[in-house]
Amino acid sequence: MNDWMIVFGNDAPPAAGYDWTRIQAATRSMLAVQAHLQRASQGNAELAESELADAQQSIAEFENSILEALDNGVAVSPIADYTNLSQAAVTRLRDTGTLTGA
């Protein structure tokens, strides 16, 4: 029963019709960079500046894709569910513009 949602008229939440493509692409990119960085760290290899820049770019794209969803009216909860982030992390991103809250 927890997955039921009652919608009156055209009051469907924006998450129902939101195109998650940008978040999907940003997530895939970030996971690929993360896997590469983990492999590099296991081999005790020093990371090149370009690898660190790629990681920072992937994180920024991920954050921006989430902020875009929030700007389009998608609530914190579905974004947290979709991205496997905590609601607190999504709220922090909404409030500060970054996942680190800095």
N, C-alpha and C. Protein backbone atom coordinates (compact mmCIF):
# COMPACT_ATOMS: atom_id res chain seq x y z
N MET A 1 0.81 -1.19 0.00
CA MET A 1 0.00 0.00 0.00
C MET A 1 0.86 1.27 0.00
N ASN A 2 2.09 1.20 0.42
CA ASN A 2 2.91 2.39 0.51
C ASN A 2 3.22 3.03 -0.83
N ASP A 3 3.08 2.29 -1.94
CA ASP A 3 3.41 2.86 -3.23
C ASP A 3 2.20 3.50 -3.91
N TRP A 4 1.08 3.60 -3.23
CA TRP A 4 -0.11 4.22 -3.80
C TRP A 4 -0.01 5.73 -3.66
N MET A 5 -0.52 6.43 -4.66
CA MET A 5 -0.57 7.88 -4.60
C MET A 5 -1.93 8.32 -5.13
N ILE A 6 -2.59 9.18 -4.40
CA ILE A 6 -3.88 9.69 -4.83
C ILE A 6 -3.64 11.06 -5.47
N VAL A 7 -4.11 11.22 -6.69
CA VAL A 7 -3.92 12.46 -7.43
C VAL A 7 -5.29 13.02 -7.77
N PHE A 8 -5.49 14.30 -7.50
CA PHE A 8 -6.74 14.96 -7.81
C PHE A 8 -6.55 15.84 -9.03
N GLY A 9 -7.31 15.56 -10.08
CA GLY A 9 -7.23 16.37 -11.30
C GLY A 9 -5.84 16.35 -11.90
N ASN A 10 -5.31 17.54 -12.13
CA ASN A 10 -3.98 17.68 -12.74
C ASN A 10 -2.93 17.98 -11.69
N ASP A 11 -3.13 17.51 -10.48
CA ASP A 11 -2.22 17.80 -9.38
C ASP A 11 -1.09 16.79 -9.27
N ALA A 12 -0.82 16.00 -10.30
CA ALA A 12 0.27 15.02 -10.23
C ALA A 12 1.58 15.75 -9.94
N PRO A 13 2.38 15.22 -9.05
CA PRO A 13 3.64 15.88 -8.73
C PRO A 13 4.57 15.88 -9.94
N PRO A 14 5.42 16.90 -10.07
CA PRO A 14 6.32 16.98 -11.22
C PRO A 14 7.21 15.75 -11.39
N ALA A 15 7.51 15.05 -10.32
CA ALA A 15 8.37 13.87 -10.42
C ALA A 15 7.76 12.81 -11.32
N ALA A 16 6.43 12.78 -11.38
CA ALA A 16 5.76 11.76 -12.18
C ALA A 16 6.08 11.92 -13.66
N GLY A 17 6.25 13.13 -14.12
CA GLY A 17 6.53 13.36 -15.53
C GLY A 17 7.92 13.89 -15.80
N TYR A 18 8.76 13.92 -14.78
CA TYR A 18 10.09 14.50 -14.94
C TYR A 18 10.99 13.59 -15.77
N ASP A 19 11.78 14.16 -16.65
CA ASP A 19 12.74 13.42 -17.47
C ASP A 19 14.05 13.29 -16.69
N TRP A 20 14.32 12.10 -16.23
CA TRP A 20 15.48 11.84 -15.37
C TRP A 20 16.77 11.59 -16.17
N THR A 21 16.75 11.84 -17.48
CA THR A 21 17.89 11.52 -18.34
C THR A 21 19.17 12.21 -17.90
N ARG A 22 19.09 13.48 -17.56
CA ARG A 22 20.30 14.21 -17.18
C ARG A 22 20.89 13.66 -15.88
N ILE A 23 20.04 13.35 -14.92
CA ILE A 23 20.53 12.77 -13.67
C ILE A 23 21.12 11.39 -13.93
N GLN A 24 20.49 10.61 -14.79
CA GLN A 24 21.02 9.28 -15.13
C GLN A 24 22.41 9.39 -15.73
N ALA A 25 22.59 10.30 -16.68
CA ALA A 25 23.88 10.47 -17.35
C ALA A 25 24.94 10.94 -16.36
N ALA A 26 24.58 11.89 -15.51
CA ALA A 26 25.53 12.41 -14.52
C ALA A 26 25.91 11.32 -13.52
N THR A 27 24.95 10.50 -13.13
CA THR A 27 25.22 9.41 -12.20
C THR A 27 26.17 8.40 -12.83
N ARG A 28 25.90 8.01 -14.07
CA ARG A 28 26.79 7.05 -14.77
C ARG A 28 28.20 7.60 -14.88
N SER A 29 28.33 8.85 -15.24
CA SER A 29 29.64 9.48 -15.38
C SER A 29 30.38 9.50 -14.05
N MET A 30 29.67 9.89 -13.00
CA MET A 30 30.30 9.96 -11.69
C MET A 30 30.72 8.57 -11.20
N LEU A 31 29.90 7.56 -11.43
CA LEU A 31 30.25 6.20 -11.02
C LEU A 31 31.45 5.67 -11.79
N ALA A 32 31.55 6.01 -13.07
CA ALA A 32 32.70 5.58 -13.87
C ALA A 32 33.99 6.22 -13.36
N VAL A 33 33.94 7.51 -13.06
CA VAL A 33 35.11 8.20 -12.53
C VAL A 33 35.47 7.63 -11.16
N GLN A 34 34.47 7.38 -10.33
CA GLN A 34 34.71 6.81 -9.00
C GLN A 34 35.39 5.45 -9.11
N ALA A 35 34.92 4.61 -10.00
CA ALA A 35 35.53 3.28 -10.19
C ALA A 35 36.98 3.42 -10.65
N HIS A 36 37.23 4.35 -11.56
CA HIS A 36 38.59 4.57 -12.04
C HIS A 36 39.50 5.04 -10.90
N LEU A 37 39.01 5.98 -10.11
CA LEU A 37 39.80 6.50 -9.00
C LEU A 37 40.09 5.41 -7.96
N GLN A 38 39.12 4.55 -7.70
CA GLN A 38 39.33 3.46 -6.76
C GLN A 38 40.39 2.49 -7.26
N ARG A 39 40.34 2.16 -8.55
CA ARG A 39 41.36 1.27 -9.13
C ARG A 39 42.74 1.90 -9.04
N ALA A 40 42.81 3.19 -9.34
CA ALA A 40 44.09 3.89 -9.30
C ALA A 40 44.64 3.95 -7.88
N SER A 41 43.77 4.15 -6.91
CA SER A 41 44.24 4.24 -5.52
C SER A 41 44.70 2.89 -4.99
N GLN A 42 44.13 1.80 -5.48
CA GLN A 42 44.56 0.47 -5.04
C GLN A 42 45.96 0.15 -5.56
N GLY A 43 46.31 0.71 -6.69
CA GLY A 43 47.64 0.49 -7.25
C GLY A 43 48.64 1.51 -6.74
N ASN A 44 48.23 2.31 -5.78
CA ASN A 44 49.07 3.36 -5.20
C ASN A 44 49.62 4.32 -6.25
N ALA A 45 48.91 4.44 -7.34
CA ALA A 45 49.33 5.38 -8.39
C ALA A 45 48.90 6.78 -8.00
N GLU A 46 49.74 7.72 -8.33
CA GLU A 46 49.39 9.12 -8.07
C GLU A 46 48.39 9.56 -9.14
N LEU A 47 47.38 10.25 -8.72
CA LEU A 47 46.35 10.69 -9.66
C LEU A 47 46.82 11.92 -10.43
N ALA A 48 46.59 11.90 -11.71
CA ALA A 48 46.92 13.04 -12.55
C ALA A 48 45.93 14.16 -12.30
N GLU A 49 46.37 15.38 -12.57
CA GLU A 49 45.48 16.53 -12.39
C GLU A 49 44.23 16.39 -13.25
N SER A 50 44.38 15.82 -14.44
CA SER A 50 43.23 15.65 -15.32
C SER A 50 42.21 14.68 -14.73
N GLU A 51 42.69 13.66 -14.02
CA GLU A 51 41.77 12.71 -13.38
C GLU A 51 41.00 13.38 -12.25
N LEU A 52 41.68 14.21 -11.48
CA LEU A 52 41.01 14.95 -10.41
C LEU A 52 40.02 15.96 -11.00
N ALA A 53 40.40 16.59 -12.10
CA ALA A 53 39.49 17.53 -12.76
C ALA A 53 38.26 16.81 -13.29
N ASP A 54 38.46 15.61 -13.85
CA ASP A 54 37.32 14.81 -14.33
C ASP A 54 36.37 14.48 -13.18
N ALA A 55 36.95 14.12 -12.03
CA ALA A 55 36.13 13.79 -10.86
C ALA A 55 35.34 15.01 -10.40
N GLN A 56 36.00 16.15 -10.33
CA GLN A 56 35.32 17.38 -9.91
C GLN A 56 34.22 17.76 -10.90
N GLN A 57 34.49 17.59 -12.19
CA GLN A 57 33.49 17.90 -13.21
C GLN A 57 32.29 16.97 -13.09
N SER A 58 32.54 15.70 -12.84
CA SER A 58 31.44 14.73 -12.70
C SER A 58 30.57 15.06 -11.50
N ILE A 59 31.20 15.42 -10.40
CA ILE A 59 30.45 15.79 -9.20
C ILE A 59 29.63 17.06 -9.46
N ALA A 60 30.24 18.04 -10.12
CA ALA A 60 29.53 19.28 -10.42
C ALA A 60 28.33 19.02 -11.33
N GLU A 61 28.50 18.16 -12.33
CA GLU A 61 27.39 17.84 -13.23
C GLU A 61 26.27 17.12 -12.48
N PHE A 62 26.65 16.21 -11.58
CA PHE A 62 25.67 15.50 -10.75
C PHE A 62 24.88 16.49 -9.90
N GLU A 63 25.61 17.40 -9.23
CA GLU A 63 24.95 18.41 -8.40
C GLU A 63 24.03 19.29 -9.24
N ASN A 64 24.52 19.73 -10.40
CA ASN A 64 23.71 20.60 -11.26
C ASN A 64 22.46 19.91 -11.78
N SER A 65 22.58 18.62 -12.08
CA SER A 65 21.41 17.89 -12.57
C SER A 65 20.34 17.77 -11.48
N ILE A 66 20.78 17.60 -10.25
CA ILE A 66 19.83 17.54 -9.13
C ILE A 66 19.21 18.92 -8.88
N LEU A 67 20.04 19.95 -8.93
CA LEU A 67 19.51 21.31 -8.75
C LEU A 67 18.50 21.66 -9.83
N GLU A 68 18.75 21.20 -11.05
CA GLU A 68 17.79 21.43 -12.14
C GLU A 68 16.46 20.75 -11.84
N ALA A 69 16.52 19.53 -11.34
CA ALA A 69 15.29 18.82 -10.98
C ALA A 69 14.54 19.58 -9.89
N LEU A 70 15.27 20.05 -8.88
CA LEU A 70 14.64 20.82 -7.81
C LEU A 70 14.02 22.10 -8.37
N ASP A 71 14.73 22.77 -9.27
CA ASP A 71 14.20 23.99 -9.89
C ASP A 71 12.94 23.73 -10.70
N ASN A 72 12.80 22.51 -11.21
CA ASN A 72 11.62 22.13 -11.99
C ASN A 72 10.50 21.59 -11.11
N GLY A 73 10.64 21.74 -9.80
CA GLY A 73 9.56 21.39 -8.89
C GLY A 73 9.55 19.97 -8.38
N VAL A 74 10.58 19.19 -8.71
CA VAL A 74 10.64 17.83 -8.19
C VAL A 74 11.00 17.91 -6.71
N ALA A 75 10.30 17.18 -5.88
CA ALA A 75 10.51 17.22 -4.43
C ALA A 75 11.79 16.49 -4.04
N VAL A 76 12.26 16.77 -2.84
CA VAL A 76 13.49 16.18 -2.32
C VAL A 76 13.39 14.66 -2.26
N SER A 77 12.27 14.14 -1.77
CA SER A 77 12.13 12.70 -1.55
C SER A 77 12.32 11.86 -2.81
N PRO A 78 11.65 12.17 -3.94
CA PRO A 78 11.88 11.34 -5.12
C PRO A 78 13.31 11.45 -5.67
N ILE A 79 13.92 12.62 -5.52
CA ILE A 79 15.31 12.76 -5.96
C ILE A 79 16.21 11.90 -5.10
N ALA A 80 15.99 11.92 -3.79
CA ALA A 80 16.79 11.09 -2.89
C ALA A 80 16.62 9.62 -3.24
N ASP A 81 15.40 9.21 -3.47
CA ASP A 81 15.15 7.81 -3.84
C ASP A 81 15.83 7.45 -5.15
N TYR A 82 15.73 8.31 -6.12
CA TYR A 82 16.25 8.03 -7.46
C TYR A 82 17.78 7.98 -7.49
N THR A 83 18.42 8.84 -6.69
CA THR A 83 19.88 8.96 -6.72
C THR A 83 20.58 8.17 -5.62
N ASN A 84 19.83 7.57 -4.73
CA ASN A 84 20.40 6.87 -3.57
C ASN A 84 21.14 7.81 -2.62
N LEU A 85 20.77 9.06 -2.63
CA LEU A 85 21.28 10.01 -1.65
C LEU A 85 20.28 10.09 -0.50
N SER A 86 20.75 10.55 0.63
CA SER A 86 19.82 10.76 1.73
C SER A 86 19.02 12.04 1.45
N GLN A 87 17.85 12.13 2.06
CA GLN A 87 17.07 13.36 1.92
C GLN A 87 17.83 14.54 2.50
N ALA A 88 18.62 14.29 3.55
CA ALA A 88 19.42 15.36 4.15
C ALA A 88 20.46 15.88 3.15
N ALA A 89 21.07 14.97 2.38
CA ALA A 89 22.07 15.39 1.39
C ALA A 89 21.42 16.21 0.28
N VAL A 90 20.25 15.79 -0.18
CA VAL A 90 19.55 16.54 -1.23
C VAL A 90 19.11 17.90 -0.69
N THR A 91 18.65 17.94 0.54
CA THR A 91 18.25 19.21 1.16
C THR A 91 19.46 20.13 1.31
N ARG A 92 20.60 19.58 1.73
CA ARG A 92 21.82 20.37 1.86
C ARG A 92 22.22 20.94 0.49
N LEU A 93 22.12 20.12 -0.55
CA LEU A 93 22.43 20.58 -1.90
C LEU A 93 21.49 21.70 -2.31
N ARG A 94 20.21 21.53 -2.02
CA ARG A 94 19.22 22.57 -2.35
C ARG A 94 19.55 23.88 -1.63
N ASP A 95 19.95 23.77 -0.36
CA ASP A 95 20.17 24.96 0.46
C ASP A 95 21.51 25.63 0.21
N THR A 96 22.54 24.84 -0.12
CA THR A 96 23.90 25.39 -0.23
C THR A 96 24.45 25.38 -1.66
N GLY A 97 23.85 24.58 -2.54
CA GLY A 97 24.35 24.48 -3.90
C GLY A 97 25.44 23.45 -4.08
N THR A 98 25.77 22.72 -3.01
CA THR A 98 26.80 21.70 -3.10
C THR A 98 26.49 20.56 -2.14
N LEU A 99 26.91 19.36 -2.50
CA LEU A 99 26.66 18.21 -1.62
C LEU A 99 27.47 18.28 -0.34
N THR A 100 28.62 18.96 -0.39
CA THR A 100 29.46 19.03 0.80
C THR A 100 28.98 20.09 1.78
N GLY A 101 28.10 20.96 1.33
CA GLY A 101 27.55 21.98 2.22
C GLY A 101 28.52 23.10 2.53
N ALA A 102 29.63 23.15 1.79
CA ALA A 102 30.64 24.18 2.05
C ALA A 102 30.26 25.50 1.42
